Amino acid sequence: MIRPAQASDVPALYDLMAIIWQDMEFEPYVTLDSQTFKEAMVQHLLDTKQKYNYQNCWVYQSRHTGQIQGLVLGYPGHLEPRYDRLIEQHFGDHTELGDFSLTRESRDDEWYIDMLVVAPQARGLGIATALVKHLESVHSEGTVLGLNCDLVNPRAKALYHRLSFEVSDQVTFSGHDYHHMQKTVKP
């Protein structure tokens, strides 16, 4: 079952998002002690002004166990610079991060899928596909969906191609190179 995330989901959302932050070597995640980072990001998940807030998420919840097995988080691309400034300001107090700044990932004219993650034990069950198809159902015809796919993740790229995403260009952030991929929602 896919549903909007709720504040009570924040612990499960954090655990899934941490998979992405670890994979992309997100600077605050790899530099700060785990408790400091977790406390900061849990605050972000609860603060509706932040990009990583639960209101920007849909979750896939198992009908059998009730566990959240996947999530998709996104927002209009033109909001990313404002969201990123809030994160930069928050982590600016941590001197061990130096001059921490984020690199733009989205495009202004798209609805940006910032995170799409499935719990390791639930992979291969079609959850990521269901989450993307859900996004298509809640956005109007002509909406451009965008995302980034790590160049060294051919399985993800194949999934996105099956879902009709096409590479538009390439972007580098957090020391990794990504394909920027887009698709237009059709009727």
C-alpha atoms as a PDB file:
ATOM      1  CA  MET A   1       0.000   0.000   0.000  1.00  0.00           C
ATOM      2  CA  ILE A   2       1.321   3.456  -0.923  1.00  0.00           C
ATOM      3  CA  ARG A   3       0.324   6.399   1.237  1.00  0.00           C
ATOM      4  CA  PRO A   4       1.604   9.838   2.236  1.00  0.00           C
ATOM      5  CA  ALA A   5       4.140   9.652   5.038  1.00  0.00           C
ATOM      6  CA  GLN A   6       3.105  10.771   8.517  1.00  0.00           C
ATOM      7  CA  ALA A   7       5.087  12.272  11.382  1.00  0.00           C
ATOM      8  CA  SER A   8       4.891   8.929  13.199  1.00  0.00           C
ATOM      9  CA  ASP A   9       6.846   7.378  10.279  1.00  0.00           C
ATOM     10  CA  VAL A  10       9.944   9.516  10.899  1.00  0.00           C
ATOM     11  CA  PRO A  11      12.078   6.777  12.548  1.00  0.00           C
ATOM     12  CA  ALA A  12      11.477   4.414   9.614  1.00  0.00           C
ATOM     13  CA  LEU A  13      12.002   7.228   7.088  1.00  0.00           C
ATOM     14  CA  TYR A  14      15.335   8.111   8.679  1.00  0.00           C
ATOM     15  CA  ASP A  15      16.522   4.497   8.509  1.00  0.00           C
ATOM     16  CA  LEU A  16      15.708   4.276   4.796  1.00  0.00           C
ATOM     17  CA  MET A  17      17.152   7.701   3.970  1.00  0.00           C
ATOM     18  CA  ALA A  18      20.381   6.799   5.770  1.00  0.00           C
ATOM     19  CA  ILE A  19      20.931   4.128   3.088  1.00  0.00           C
ATOM     20  CA  ILE A  20      21.030   6.883   0.461  1.00  0.00           C
ATOM     21  CA  TRP A  21      23.160   9.257   2.552  1.00  0.00           C
ATOM     22  CA  GLN A  22      25.679   6.484   3.139  1.00  0.00           C
ATOM     23  CA  ASP A  23      25.776   5.410  -0.530  1.00  0.00           C
ATOM     24  CA  MET A  24      26.271   8.957  -1.784  1.00  0.00           C
ATOM     25  CA  GLU A  25      28.769   9.757   0.996  1.00  0.00           C
ATOM     26  CA  PHE A  26      26.768  12.812   2.042  1.00  0.00           C
ATOM     27  CA  GLU A  27      29.365  14.958   3.813  1.00  0.00           C
ATOM     28  CA  PRO A  28      27.499  15.536   7.102  1.00  0.00           C
ATOM     29  CA  TYR A  29      26.618  11.830   7.273  1.00  0.00           C
ATOM     30  CA  VAL A  30      30.235  10.664   6.882  1.00  0.00           C
ATOM     31  CA  THR A  31      31.864  13.485   8.886  1.00  0.00           C
ATOM     32  CA  LEU A  32      29.665  14.054  11.933  1.00  0.00           C
ATOM     33  CA  ASP A  33      29.185  11.509  14.665  1.00  0.00           C
ATOM     34  CA  SER A  34      26.145   9.372  13.970  1.00  0.00           C
ATOM     35  CA  GLN A  35      24.063  10.676  16.891  1.00  0.00           C
ATOM     36  CA  THR A  36      24.610  14.346  15.969  1.00  0.00           C
ATOM     37  CA  PHE A  37      23.687  13.680  12.354  1.00  0.00           C
ATOM     38  CA  LYS A  38      20.627  11.620  13.256  1.00  0.00           C
ATOM     39  CA  GLU A  39      19.295  14.261  15.676  1.00  0.00           C
ATOM     40  CA  ALA A  40      19.696  16.965  13.017  1.00  0.00           C
ATOM     41  CA  MET A  41      18.017  14.964  10.289  1.00  0.00           C
ATOM     42  CA  VAL A  42      15.136  13.822  12.490  1.00  0.00           C
ATOM     43  CA  GLN A  43      14.486  17.538  13.115  1.00  0.00           C
ATOM     44  CA  HIS A  44      14.539  18.088   9.343  1.00  0.00           C
ATOM     45  CA  LEU A  45      12.097  15.238   8.788  1.00  0.00           C
ATOM     46  CA  LEU A  46       9.648  16.890  11.186  1.00  0.00           C
ATOM     47  CA  ASP A  47      10.155  20.482   9.939  1.00  0.00           C
ATOM     48  CA  THR A  48       7.863  21.120   6.971  1.00  0.00           C
ATOM     49  CA  LYS A  49      10.163  23.901   5.695  1.00  0.00           C
ATOM     50  CA  GLN A  50      12.941  21.369   4.987  1.00  0.00           C
ATOM     51  CA  LYS A  51      13.372  19.281   1.849  1.00  0.00           C
ATOM     52  CA  TYR A  52      13.751  16.048   3.826  1.00  0.00           C
ATOM     53  CA  ASN A  53      10.425  16.518   5.601  1.00  0.00           C
ATOM     54  CA  TYR A  54       7.923  13.719   5.880  1.00  0.00           C
ATOM     55  CA  GLN A  55       5.299  15.716   3.956  1.00  0.00           C
ATOM     56  CA  ASN A  56       7.498  15.427   0.835  1.00  0.00           C
ATOM     57  CA  CYS A  57       7.371  11.606   1.093  1.00  0.00           C
ATOM     58  CA  TRP A  58       5.171   8.744   0.070  1.00  0.00           C
ATOM     59  CA  VAL A  59       5.807   5.377   1.627  1.00  0.00           C
ATOM     60  CA  TYR A  60       5.222   1.798   0.593  1.00  0.00           C
ATOM     61  CA  GLN A  61       3.869  -0.032   3.621  1.00  0.00           C
ATOM     62  CA  SER A  62       3.537  -3.807   3.713  1.00  0.00           C
ATOM     63  CA  ARG A  63      -0.073  -4.909   4.094  1.00  0.00           C
ATOM     64  CA  HIS A  64       1.128  -8.015   5.923  1.00  0.00           C
ATOM     65  CA  THR A  65       3.667  -6.643   8.418  1.00  0.00           C
ATOM     66  CA  GLY A  66       2.795  -2.944   8.524  1.00  0.00           C
ATOM     67  CA  GLN A  67       6.476  -2.115   7.993  1.00  0.00           C
ATOM     68  CA  ILE A  68       7.551   0.683   5.707  1.00  0.00           C
ATOM     69  CA  GLN A  69       9.537  -1.029   2.964  1.00  0.00           C
ATOM     70  CA  GLY A  70      10.248   1.899   0.681  1.00  0.00           C
ATOM     71  CA  LEU A  71       9.884   5.609   0.172  1.00  0.00           C
ATOM     72  CA  VAL A  72       9.999   8.253  -2.487  1.00  0.00           C
ATOM     73  CA  LEU A  73      10.764  11.850  -1.570  1.00  0.00           C
ATOM     74  CA  GLY A  74      10.453  14.738  -3.973  1.00  0.00           C
ATOM     75  CA  TYR A  75       9.520  18.351  -4.541  1.00  0.00           C
ATOM     76  CA  PRO A  76       9.355  21.006  -7.267  1.00  0.00           C
ATOM     77  CA  GLY A  77      12.914  21.491  -8.500  1.00  0.00           C
ATOM     78  CA  HIS A  78      12.806  25.266  -8.238  1.00  0.00           C
ATOM     79  CA  LEU A  79      12.523  24.901  -4.429  1.00  0.00           C
ATOM     80  CA  GLU A  80      15.827  23.048  -4.054  1.00  0.00           C
ATOM     81  CA  PRO A  81      18.115  26.112  -3.676  1.00  0.00           C
ATOM     82  CA  ARG A  82      15.965  27.427  -0.807  1.00  0.00           C
ATOM     83  CA  TYR A  83      15.865  23.988   0.817  1.00  0.00           C
ATOM     84  CA  ASP A  84      19.631  23.611   0.460  1.00  0.00           C
ATOM     85  CA  ARG A  85      20.324  26.976   2.085  1.00  0.00           C
ATOM     86  CA  LEU A  86      18.406  25.806   5.165  1.00  0.00           C
ATOM     87  CA  ILE A  87      20.522  22.648   5.396  1.00  0.00           C
ATOM     88  CA  GLU A  88      23.745  24.599   4.832  1.00  0.00           C
ATOM     89  CA  GLN A  89      22.787  27.042   7.579  1.00  0.00           C
ATOM     90  CA  HIS A  90      21.944  24.232   9.967  1.00  0.00           C
ATOM     91  CA  PHE A  91      25.227  22.394   9.429  1.00  0.00           C
ATOM     92  CA  GLY A  92      27.238  25.635   9.207  1.00  0.00           C
ATOM     93  CA  ASP A  93      27.797  25.516  12.966  1.00  0.00           C
ATOM     94  CA  HIS A  94      29.779  22.289  12.639  1.00  0.00           C
ATOM     95  CA  THR A  95      33.363  23.427  12.042  1.00  0.00           C
ATOM     96  CA  GLU A  96      34.458  19.905  11.131  1.00  0.00           C
ATOM     97  CA  LEU A  97      32.468  20.324   7.888  1.00  0.00           C
ATOM     98  CA  GLY A  98      34.474  23.375   6.845  1.00  0.00           C
ATOM     99  CA  ASP A  99      32.713  25.427   4.155  1.00  0.00           C
ATOM    100  CA  PHE A 100      29.833  23.004   3.729  1.00  0.00           C
ATOM    101  CA  SER A 101      27.709  23.673   0.660  1.00  0.00           C
ATOM    102  CA  LEU A 102      25.400  21.602  -1.498  1.00  0.00           C
ATOM    103  CA  THR A 103      25.492  21.238  -5.274  1.00  0.00           C
ATOM    104  CA  ARG A 104      22.294  21.713  -7.246  1.00  0.00           C
ATOM    105  CA  GLU A 105      20.763  18.361  -8.235  1.00  0.00           C
ATOM    106  CA  SER A 106      17.412  19.333  -9.754  1.00  0.00           C
ATOM    107  CA  ARG A 107      16.161  21.464 -12.619  1.00  0.00           C
ATOM    108  CA  ASP A 108      13.681  24.316 -12.146  1.00  0.00           C
ATOM    109  CA  ASP A 109      11.139  22.882 -14.579  1.00  0.00           C
ATOM    110  CA  GLU A 110      10.790  19.426 -13.014  1.00  0.00           C
ATOM    111  CA  TRP A 111       9.332  17.685 -10.020  1.00  0.00           C
ATOM    112  CA  TYR A 112      12.523  16.258  -8.579  1.00  0.00           C
ATOM    113  CA  ILE A 113      12.724  12.766  -7.093  1.00  0.00           C
ATOM    114  CA  ASP A 114      15.398  13.375  -4.476  1.00  0.00           C
ATOM    115  CA  MET A 115      15.184   9.911  -2.923  1.00  0.00           C
ATOM    116  CA  LEU A 116      13.801   6.584  -4.028  1.00  0.00           C
ATOM    117  CA  VAL A 117      14.848   3.805  -1.700  1.00  0.00           C
ATOM    118  CA  VAL A 118      13.648   0.317  -0.847  1.00  0.00           C
ATOM    119  CA  ALA A 119      14.679  -1.633   2.243  1.00  0.00           C
ATOM    120  CA  PRO A 120      17.332  -4.231   1.309  1.00  0.00           C
ATOM    121  CA  GLN A 121      15.146  -7.170   2.365  1.00  0.00           C
ATOM    122  CA  ALA A 122      12.276  -5.928   0.147  1.00  0.00           C
ATOM    123  CA  ARG A 123      14.217  -5.303  -3.077  1.00  0.00           C
ATOM    124  CA  GLY A 124      13.122  -7.075  -6.222  1.00  0.00           C
ATOM    125  CA  LEU A 125       9.437  -7.000  -5.273  1.00  0.00           C
ATOM    126  CA  GLY A 126       8.444  -4.107  -7.557  1.00  0.00           C
ATOM    127  CA  ILE A 127       8.264  -1.516  -4.788  1.00  0.00           C
ATOM    128  CA  ALA A 128      10.409   1.104  -6.541  1.00  0.00           C
ATOM    129  CA  THR A 129       8.343   0.693  -9.707  1.00  0.00           C
ATOM    130  CA  ALA A 130       5.103   1.055  -7.744  1.00  0.00           C
ATOM    131  CA  LEU A 131       6.369   4.226  -6.048  1.00  0.00           C
ATOM    132  CA  VAL A 132       7.347   5.846  -9.365  1.00  0.00           C
ATOM    133  CA  LYS A 133       4.043   4.865 -10.969  1.00  0.00           C
ATOM    134  CA  HIS A 134       2.255   6.363  -7.972  1.00  0.00           C
ATOM    135  CA  LEU A 135       4.067   9.659  -8.603  1.00  0.00           C
ATOM    136  CA  GLU A 136       2.853   9.568 -12.184  1.00  0.00           C
ATOM    137  CA  SER A 137      -0.714   9.120 -10.936  1.00  0.00           C
ATOM    138  CA  VAL A 138      -0.572  12.147  -8.598  1.00  0.00           C
ATOM    139  CA  HIS A 139       1.017  14.533 -11.113  1.00  0.00           C
ATOM    140  CA  SER A 140      -0.756  16.074 -14.040  1.00  0.00           C
ATOM    141  CA  GLU A 141      -0.075  15.258 -17.667  1.00  0.00           C
ATOM    142  CA  GLY A 142       2.992  17.107 -18.926  1.00  0.00           C
ATOM    143  CA  THR A 143       4.753  17.237 -15.551  1.00  0.00           C
ATOM    144  CA  VAL A 144       8.436  16.450 -15.930  1.00  0.00           C
ATOM    145  CA  LEU A 145       9.797  14.049 -13.322  1.00  0.00           C
ATOM    146  CA  GLY A 146      13.546  14.169 -12.793  1.00  0.00           C
ATOM    147  CA  LEU A 147      16.054  12.157 -10.803  1.00  0.00           C
ATOM    148  CA  ASN A 148      19.740  11.352 -10.626  1.00  0.00           C
ATOM    149  CA  CYS A 149      21.197   7.874 -11.080  1.00  0.00           C
ATOM    150  CA  ASP A 150      24.754   7.040 -10.032  1.00  0.00           C
ATOM    151  CA  LEU A 151      26.836   6.138 -13.086  1.00  0.00           C
ATOM    152  CA  VAL A 152      28.062   3.012 -11.280  1.00  0.00           C
ATOM    153  CA  ASN A 153      24.536   1.703 -10.627  1.00  0.00           C
ATOM    154  CA  PRO A 154      23.467  -0.046 -13.857  1.00  0.00           C
ATOM    155  CA  ARG A 155      20.544  -1.870 -12.181  1.00  0.00           C
ATOM    156  CA  ALA A 156      18.961   1.433 -11.153  1.00  0.00           C
ATOM    157  CA  LYS A 157      19.566   2.918 -14.593  1.00  0.00           C
ATOM    158  CA  ALA A 158      17.903  -0.119 -16.212  1.00  0.00           C
ATOM    159  CA  LEU A 159      14.899   0.288 -13.878  1.00  0.00           C
ATOM    160  CA  TYR A 160      14.560   3.968 -14.766  1.00  0.00           C
ATOM    161  CA  HIS A 161      14.820   3.174 -18.493  1.00  0.00           C
ATOM    162  CA  ARG A 162      12.026   0.583 -18.104  1.00  0.00           C
ATOM    163  CA  LEU A 163       9.979   3.369 -16.487  1.00  0.00           C
ATOM    164  CA  SER A 164      10.667   5.611 -19.546  1.00  0.00           C
ATOM    165  CA  PHE A 165      13.241   7.928 -17.964  1.00  0.00           C
ATOM    166  CA  GLU A 166      15.895   9.153 -20.386  1.00  0.00           C
ATOM    167  CA  VAL A 167      19.313  10.625 -19.659  1.00  0.00           C
ATOM    168  CA  SER A 168      19.260  14.396 -20.175  1.00  0.00           C
ATOM    169  CA  ASP A 169      22.742  15.257 -18.916  1.00  0.00           C
ATOM    170  CA  GLN A 170      25.276  14.489 -16.206  1.00  0.00           C
ATOM    171  CA  VAL A 171      25.838  16.076 -12.789  1.00  0.00           C
ATOM    172  CA  THR A 172      28.468  15.668 -10.074  1.00  0.00           C
ATOM    173  CA  PHE A 173      27.793  16.051  -6.367  1.00  0.00           C
ATOM    174  CA  SER A 174      29.156  14.513  -3.169  1.00  0.00           C
ATOM    175  CA  GLY A 175      32.120  13.290  -5.205  1.00  0.00           C
ATOM    176  CA  HIS A 176      29.980  11.056  -7.454  1.00  0.00           C
ATOM    177  CA  ASP A 177      28.918  11.357 -11.073  1.00  0.00           C
ATOM    178  CA  TYR A 178      25.247  10.890 -11.893  1.00  0.00           C
ATOM    179  CA  HIS A 179      23.044  10.668 -14.954  1.00  0.00           C
ATOM    180  CA  HIS A 180      20.305  13.261 -14.700  1.00  0.00           C
ATOM    181  CA  MET A 181      17.231  11.490 -16.042  1.00  0.00           C
ATOM    182  CA  GLN A 182      13.786  12.799 -16.874  1.00  0.00           C
ATOM    183  CA  LYS A 183      10.398  11.650 -18.094  1.00  0.00           C
ATOM    184  CA  THR A 184       7.202  13.483 -18.886  1.00  0.00           C
ATOM    185  CA  VAL A 185       3.975  12.247 -17.308  1.00  0.00           C
ATOM    186  CA  LYS A 186       1.619  11.016 -20.008  1.00  0.00           C
ATOM    187  CA  PRO A 187      -2.128  10.402 -19.782  1.00  0.00           C
END
